[in-house]
C-alpha atoms as a PDB file:
ATOM      1  CA  MET A   1      -0.013   7.650  -2.881  1.00  0.00           C
ATOM      2  CA  ARG A   2      -1.434  10.165  -5.285  1.00  0.00           C
ATOM      3  CA  LEU A   3      -1.779   9.151  -8.928  1.00  0.00           C
ATOM      4  CA  SER A   4      -1.262  11.665 -11.676  1.00  0.00           C
ATOM      5  CA  THR A   5      -3.016  11.934 -15.006  1.00  0.00           C
ATOM      6  CA  HIS A   6       0.261  10.739 -16.543  1.00  0.00           C
ATOM      7  CA  ASP A   7       0.066   7.546 -14.426  1.00  0.00           C
ATOM      8  CA  VAL A   8      -3.516   6.902 -15.541  1.00  0.00           C
ATOM      9  CA  ARG A   9      -2.598   7.467 -19.201  1.00  0.00           C
ATOM     10  CA  ARG A  10       0.252   4.962 -18.849  1.00  0.00           C
ATOM     11  CA  ILE A  11      -2.027   2.383 -17.209  1.00  0.00           C
ATOM     12  CA  ALA A  12      -4.654   2.933 -19.923  1.00  0.00           C
ATOM     13  CA  ARG A  13      -2.026   2.489 -22.646  1.00  0.00           C
ATOM     14  CA  LEU A  14      -0.801  -0.753 -21.070  1.00  0.00           C
ATOM     15  CA  ALA A  15      -4.416  -1.968 -20.854  1.00  0.00           C
ATOM     16  CA  ARG A  16      -5.005  -0.806 -24.441  1.00  0.00           C
ATOM     17  CA  LEU A  17      -7.793   1.527 -23.390  1.00  0.00           C
ATOM     18  CA  ARG A  18      -8.669   4.882 -24.878  1.00  0.00           C
ATOM     19  CA  LEU A  19      -9.853   7.337 -22.275  1.00  0.00           C
ATOM     20  CA  SER A  20     -11.294  10.799 -22.681  1.00  0.00           C
ATOM     21  CA  SER A  21      -9.838  13.547 -20.487  1.00  0.00           C
ATOM     22  CA  GLU A  22     -12.967  13.340 -18.302  1.00  0.00           C
ATOM     23  CA  GLU A  23     -12.471   9.588 -17.872  1.00  0.00           C
ATOM     24  CA  GLU A  24      -8.797  10.129 -17.042  1.00  0.00           C
ATOM     25  CA  GLU A  25      -9.734  12.528 -14.239  1.00  0.00           C
ATOM     26  CA  THR A  26     -12.372  10.094 -12.962  1.00  0.00           C
ATOM     27  CA  PHE A  27      -9.829   7.271 -12.908  1.00  0.00           C
ATOM     28  CA  VAL A  28      -7.218   9.456 -11.183  1.00  0.00           C
ATOM     29  CA  ALA A  29      -9.656   9.827  -8.291  1.00  0.00           C
ATOM     30  CA  GLN A  30     -10.977   6.246  -8.291  1.00  0.00           C
ATOM     31  CA  LEU A  31      -7.619   4.499  -8.633  1.00  0.00           C
ATOM     32  CA  GLY A  32      -6.186   6.863  -6.029  1.00  0.00           C
ATOM     33  CA  GLN A  33      -8.869   5.740  -3.568  1.00  0.00           C
ATOM     34  CA  ILE A  34      -8.055   2.088  -4.273  1.00  0.00           C
ATOM     35  CA  ILE A  35      -4.334   2.656  -3.702  1.00  0.00           C
ATOM     36  CA  ASP A  36      -5.083   4.603  -0.517  1.00  0.00           C
ATOM     37  CA  TYR A  37      -7.073   1.595   0.706  1.00  0.00           C
ATOM     38  CA  PHE A  38      -4.139  -0.730   0.033  1.00  0.00           C
ATOM     39  CA  ASP A  39      -1.874   1.651   1.936  1.00  0.00           C
ATOM     40  CA  LEU A  40      -4.323   1.455   4.837  1.00  0.00           C
ATOM     41  CA  LEU A  41      -4.205  -2.353   4.718  1.00  0.00           C
ATOM     42  CA  LYS A  42      -0.401  -2.266   4.858  1.00  0.00           C
ATOM     43  CA  GLU A  43      -0.644  -0.462   8.187  1.00  0.00           C
ATOM     44  CA  TYR A  44      -2.821  -3.201   9.661  1.00  0.00           C
ATOM     45  CA  SER A  45      -1.075  -4.837  12.559  1.00  0.00           C
ATOM     46  CA  SER A  46      -0.873  -8.577  12.172  1.00  0.00           C
ATOM     47  CA  ALA A  47      -0.084  -9.005  15.870  1.00  0.00           C
ATOM     48  CA  GLU A  48      -3.670 -10.120  16.506  1.00  0.00           C
ATOM     49  CA  THR A  49      -3.415 -12.900  13.941  1.00  0.00           C
ATOM     50  CA  GLU A  50       0.120 -14.171  14.626  1.00  0.00           C
ATOM     51  CA  HIS A  51      -1.152 -17.113  16.637  1.00  0.00           C
ATOM     52  CA  ARG A  52      -3.191 -18.459  13.720  1.00  0.00           C
ATOM     53  CA  ASN A  53      -1.798 -20.678  11.020  1.00  0.00           C
ATOM     54  CA  VAL A  54      -1.704 -18.511   7.898  1.00  0.00           C
ATOM     55  CA  SER A  55      -2.469 -21.415   5.562  1.00  0.00           C
ATOM     56  CA  GLU A  56      -5.677 -22.149   7.495  1.00  0.00           C
ATOM     57  CA  THR A  57      -6.769 -18.555   6.964  1.00  0.00           C
ATOM     58  CA  LEU A  58      -5.985 -18.429   3.236  1.00  0.00           C
ATOM     59  CA  GLU A  59      -7.079 -21.826   1.971  1.00  0.00           C
ATOM     60  CA  ALA A  60     -10.650 -22.321   0.811  1.00  0.00           C
ATOM     61  CA  ASP A  61     -12.518 -25.574   1.207  1.00  0.00           C
ATOM     62  CA  ASP A  62     -11.856 -27.600  -1.934  1.00  0.00           C
ATOM     63  CA  THR A  63     -14.966 -29.658  -2.493  1.00  0.00           C
ATOM     64  CA  VAL A  64     -16.123 -31.220  -5.715  1.00  0.00           C
ATOM     65  CA  ARG A  65     -19.451 -29.865  -6.887  1.00  0.00           C
ATOM     66  CA  PRO A  66     -21.352 -30.526 -10.087  1.00  0.00           C
ATOM     67  CA  SER A  67     -21.010 -27.842 -12.710  1.00  0.00           C
ATOM     68  CA  MET A  68     -23.891 -26.070 -14.396  1.00  0.00           C
ATOM     69  CA  ARG A  69     -25.614 -28.003 -17.141  1.00  0.00           C
ATOM     70  CA  LEU A  70     -24.559 -26.806 -20.611  1.00  0.00           C
ATOM     71  CA  GLU A  71     -28.178 -26.170 -21.592  1.00  0.00           C
ATOM     72  CA  ASP A  72     -28.720 -23.930 -18.544  1.00  0.00           C
ATOM     73  CA  PHE A  73     -25.519 -22.032 -19.300  1.00  0.00           C
ATOM     74  CA  LEU A  74     -26.424 -21.499 -22.942  1.00  0.00           C
ATOM     75  CA  ASP A  75     -29.934 -20.342 -21.974  1.00  0.00           C
ATOM     76  CA  ASN A  76     -28.277 -17.329 -20.306  1.00  0.00           C
ATOM     77  CA  ALA A  77     -26.096 -16.410 -23.297  1.00  0.00           C
ATOM     78  CA  PRO A  78     -27.124 -13.308 -25.255  1.00  0.00           C
ATOM     79  CA  LEU A  79     -25.948 -14.610 -28.664  1.00  0.00           C
ATOM     80  CA  LEU A  80     -25.274 -18.155 -29.819  1.00  0.00           C
ATOM     81  CA  ARG A  81     -24.195 -19.976 -32.934  1.00  0.00           C
ATOM     82  CA  GLY A  82     -24.939 -23.625 -32.292  1.00  0.00           C
ATOM     83  CA  SER A  83     -23.355 -24.360 -28.928  1.00  0.00           C
ATOM     84  CA  PHE A  84     -20.831 -21.508 -29.240  1.00  0.00           C
ATOM     85  CA  LEU A  85     -21.071 -18.096 -27.591  1.00  0.00           C
ATOM     86  CA  LEU A  86     -20.833 -15.120 -29.924  1.00  0.00           C
ATOM     87  CA  VAL A  87     -18.838 -12.231 -28.487  1.00  0.00           C
ATOM     88  CA  PRO A  88     -17.885  -8.812 -29.901  1.00  0.00           C
ATOM     89  CA  GLN A  89     -14.614  -8.604 -31.773  1.00  0.00           C
ATOM     90  CA  VAL A  90     -11.741  -7.226 -29.728  1.00  0.00           C
ATOM     91  CA  LYS A  91      -9.943  -4.381 -31.495  1.00  0.00           C
ATOM     92  CA  VAL A  92      -6.291  -3.791 -30.757  1.00  0.00           C
ATOM     93  CA  LEU A  93      -5.067  -0.190 -30.659  1.00  0.00           C
ATOM     94  CA  GLY A  94      -3.222   0.689 -33.824  1.00  0.00           C
ATOM     95  CA  ASP A  95      -5.121  -1.853 -35.976  1.00  0.00           C
ATOM     96  CA  GLU A  96      -7.569   0.677 -37.406  1.00  0.00           C
END
């Protein structure tokens, strides 16, 4: 499936992204490659895997593991205020 510049503009608008015309062309090619890959996966014959239980293939091992210590996590943060992470403000299109 070939994406058009119009498709990329629509996707960017839905994602609230502003793209230059160069970025639009780049994304036409890159997203097109991704969609082509999905089309290739659709053609994959599942005949080789029919004998397996699908749930066994899809389910990951659910084991309880300790989480990272808060201090170790915060040591990796670029900006902090107390024990809170500081992140850049998100601007919504049209709020300028």
